[in-house]
C-alpha atoms as a PDB file:
ATOM      1  CA  MET A   1       0.000   0.000   0.000  1.00  0.00           C
ATOM      2  CA  GLY A   2       1.157   3.522  -0.743  1.00  0.00           C
ATOM      3  CA  GLU A   3       2.049   5.851   2.033  1.00  0.00           C
ATOM      4  CA  TYR A   4      -0.259   8.473   3.424  1.00  0.00           C
ATOM      5  CA  ILE A   5      -0.577  10.262   6.727  1.00  0.00           C
ATOM      6  CA  LYS A   6      -3.533   9.687   9.014  1.00  0.00           C
ATOM      7  CA  ARG A   7      -4.652  12.902  10.696  1.00  0.00           C
ATOM      8  CA  GLU A   8      -5.008  11.293  14.140  1.00  0.00           C
ATOM      9  CA  GLU A   9      -1.457   9.931  14.008  1.00  0.00           C
ATOM     10  CA  ALA A  10      -0.008  13.253  12.855  1.00  0.00           C
ATOM     11  CA  ILE A  11      -1.744  15.119  15.672  1.00  0.00           C
ATOM     12  CA  ALA A  12      -0.678  12.564  18.285  1.00  0.00           C
ATOM     13  CA  TYR A  13       2.967  12.419  17.123  1.00  0.00           C
ATOM     14  CA  PRO A  14       4.255  15.503  19.014  1.00  0.00           C
ATOM     15  CA  LEU A  15       2.666  14.168  22.178  1.00  0.00           C
ATOM     16  CA  SER A  16       5.040  11.218  21.975  1.00  0.00           C
ATOM     17  CA  TRP A  17       8.126  13.474  21.952  1.00  0.00           C
ATOM     18  CA  ASP A  18      10.066  13.143  25.198  1.00  0.00           C
ATOM     19  CA  HIS A  19      10.507  16.918  25.471  1.00  0.00           C
ATOM     20  CA  TYR A  20       6.833  17.783  25.205  1.00  0.00           C
ATOM     21  CA  ASP A  21       5.674  18.624  28.693  1.00  0.00           C
ATOM     22  CA  LYS A  22       2.964  21.251  28.605  1.00  0.00           C
ATOM     23  CA  ALA A  23       3.212  21.952  32.333  1.00  0.00           C
ATOM     24  CA  HIS A  24       7.007  22.276  32.625  1.00  0.00           C
ATOM     25  CA  GLY A  25       8.373  22.487  29.082  1.00  0.00           C
ATOM     26  CA  ASN A  26      10.048  25.176  27.039  1.00  0.00           C
ATOM     27  CA  ARG A  27       7.324  27.677  26.095  1.00  0.00           C
ATOM     28  CA  HIS A  28       8.690  28.202  22.564  1.00  0.00           C
ATOM     29  CA  PHE A  29       8.775  24.483  21.909  1.00  0.00           C
ATOM     30  CA  ILE A  30       5.264  24.074  23.323  1.00  0.00           C
ATOM     31  CA  ALA A  31       3.976  26.949  21.152  1.00  0.00           C
ATOM     32  CA  GLY A  32       5.517  25.258  18.105  1.00  0.00           C
ATOM     33  CA  VAL A  33       3.876  21.930  18.922  1.00  0.00           C
ATOM     34  CA  GLU A  34       0.522  23.609  19.455  1.00  0.00           C
ATOM     35  CA  SER A  35       0.856  25.472  16.126  1.00  0.00           C
ATOM     36  CA  TYR A  36       1.757  22.199  14.403  1.00  0.00           C
ATOM     37  CA  ARG A  37      -1.329  20.482  15.821  1.00  0.00           C
ATOM     38  CA  GLU A  38      -3.597  23.342  14.733  1.00  0.00           C
ATOM     39  CA  TYR A  39      -2.066  23.273  11.244  1.00  0.00           C
ATOM     40  CA  ILE A  40      -2.610  19.516  10.878  1.00  0.00           C
ATOM     41  CA  GLU A  41      -6.201  19.774  12.115  1.00  0.00           C
ATOM     42  CA  GLU A  42      -6.985  22.356   9.427  1.00  0.00           C
ATOM     43  CA  LEU A  43      -5.385  20.535   6.478  1.00  0.00           C
ATOM     44  CA  GLN A  44      -7.679  19.224   3.795  1.00  0.00           C
ATOM     45  CA  THR A  45      -7.802  15.444   3.809  1.00  0.00           C
ATOM     46  CA  ALA A  46      -7.375  13.201   0.790  1.00  0.00           C
ATOM     47  CA  ASP A  47      -9.928  10.628  -0.288  1.00  0.00           C
ATOM     48  CA  VAL A  48      -7.692   7.571  -0.026  1.00  0.00           C
ATOM     49  CA  VAL A  49      -8.600   3.928  -0.591  1.00  0.00           C
ATOM     50  CA  ASP A  50      -6.503   0.786  -0.491  1.00  0.00           C
ATOM     51  CA  VAL A  51      -5.718  -0.508  -3.970  1.00  0.00           C
ATOM     52  CA  VAL A  52      -5.943  -4.232  -4.662  1.00  0.00           C
ATOM     53  CA  ARG A  53      -3.509  -5.224  -7.407  1.00  0.00           C
ATOM     54  CA  CYS A  54      -4.535  -7.941  -9.862  1.00  0.00           C
ATOM     55  CA  LYS A  55      -1.987 -10.358  -8.372  1.00  0.00           C
ATOM     56  CA  ASP A  56      -3.906 -10.201  -5.050  1.00  0.00           C
ATOM     57  CA  CYS A  57      -7.445  -9.982  -6.437  1.00  0.00           C
ATOM     58  CA  LYS A  58     -10.130 -12.646  -6.111  1.00  0.00           C
ATOM     59  CA  HIS A  59     -11.412 -11.846  -9.627  1.00  0.00           C
ATOM     60  CA  ARG A  60      -8.121 -12.918 -11.233  1.00  0.00           C
ATOM     61  CA  ILE A  61      -8.607 -16.327 -12.831  1.00  0.00           C
ATOM     62  CA  TYR A  62      -5.924 -18.576 -14.290  1.00  0.00           C
ATOM     63  CA  ASP A  63      -6.684 -20.059 -17.723  1.00  0.00           C
ATOM     64  CA  GLY A  64      -4.413 -23.074 -18.095  1.00  0.00           C
ATOM     65  CA  SER A  65      -5.372 -23.681 -21.732  1.00  0.00           C
ATOM     66  CA  ARG A  66      -4.033 -20.248 -22.697  1.00  0.00           C
ATOM     67  CA  ASP A  67      -1.471 -20.086 -19.859  1.00  0.00           C
ATOM     68  CA  LEU A  68      -2.549 -16.621 -18.720  1.00  0.00           C
ATOM     69  CA  TYR A  69      -4.585 -14.826 -16.101  1.00  0.00           C
ATOM     70  CA  TYR A  70      -7.750 -12.948 -16.939  1.00  0.00           C
ATOM     71  CA  CYS A  71     -10.236 -10.831 -15.017  1.00  0.00           C
ATOM     72  CA  GLU A  72     -13.705 -12.254 -14.498  1.00  0.00           C
ATOM     73  CA  MET A  73     -15.062  -8.742 -13.836  1.00  0.00           C
ATOM     74  CA  TYR A  74     -14.081  -7.530 -17.308  1.00  0.00           C
ATOM     75  CA  HIS A  75     -15.854 -10.336 -19.126  1.00  0.00           C
ATOM     76  CA  GLY A  76     -12.807 -12.367 -19.998  1.00  0.00           C
ATOM     77  CA  MET A  77     -10.243  -9.601 -20.364  1.00  0.00           C
ATOM     78  CA  GLY A  78      -7.137 -11.677 -20.828  1.00  0.00           C
ATOM     79  CA  ASP A  79      -3.546 -11.399 -19.793  1.00  0.00           C
ATOM     80  CA  VAL A  80      -3.886  -9.014 -16.852  1.00  0.00           C
ATOM     81  CA  SER A  81      -0.560  -7.927 -15.385  1.00  0.00           C
ATOM     82  CA  ASP A  82       0.258  -8.457 -11.723  1.00  0.00           C
ATOM     83  CA  ASP A  83       0.470  -4.710 -11.040  1.00  0.00           C
ATOM     84  CA  ASN A  84      -2.812  -3.765 -12.761  1.00  0.00           C
ATOM     85  CA  TYR A  85      -5.721  -2.633 -10.590  1.00  0.00           C
ATOM     86  CA  CYS A  86      -9.276  -1.405 -11.029  1.00  0.00           C
ATOM     87  CA  SER A  87     -12.295  -0.277  -9.054  1.00  0.00           C
ATOM     88  CA  PHE A  88     -13.592  -3.865  -8.858  1.00  0.00           C
ATOM     89  CA  GLY A  89     -10.505  -5.157  -7.056  1.00  0.00           C
ATOM     90  CA  GLU A  90     -11.202  -7.254  -3.964  1.00  0.00           C
ATOM     91  CA  LYS A  91      -8.575  -8.977  -1.851  1.00  0.00           C
ATOM     92  CA  ALA A  92      -8.582 -12.740  -2.360  1.00  0.00           C
ATOM     93  CA  ASP A  93      -9.034 -14.884   0.737  1.00  0.00           C
ATOM     94  CA  THR A  94      -6.196 -17.187  -0.304  1.00  0.00           C
ATOM     95  CA  LEU A  95      -3.723 -16.696  -3.080  1.00  0.00           C
ATOM     96  CA  ASP A  96      -2.872 -19.651  -5.296  1.00  0.00           C
ATOM     97  CA  ASP A  97       0.403 -18.211  -6.657  1.00  0.00           C
END
């Protein structure tokens, strides 16, 4: 899966810093952390979905007579590459490769 940042994790990250102590910490550092958190909270989020590649998809069918894989969702579209993907992709329960 590609990399993306989850808002909750980005906001929580400064809280895990050893130096972040709101009660006793450096006021400039604390102000920077607070500004960072406000900035992250206001960022526009991306509409992100996990992509299922053909090699991992349950709709990928092996045709032994032609020695190739095809997609059952595309009505017999033959010779799909491992790295292809589409909006119909669904993770296979078990992979036979």
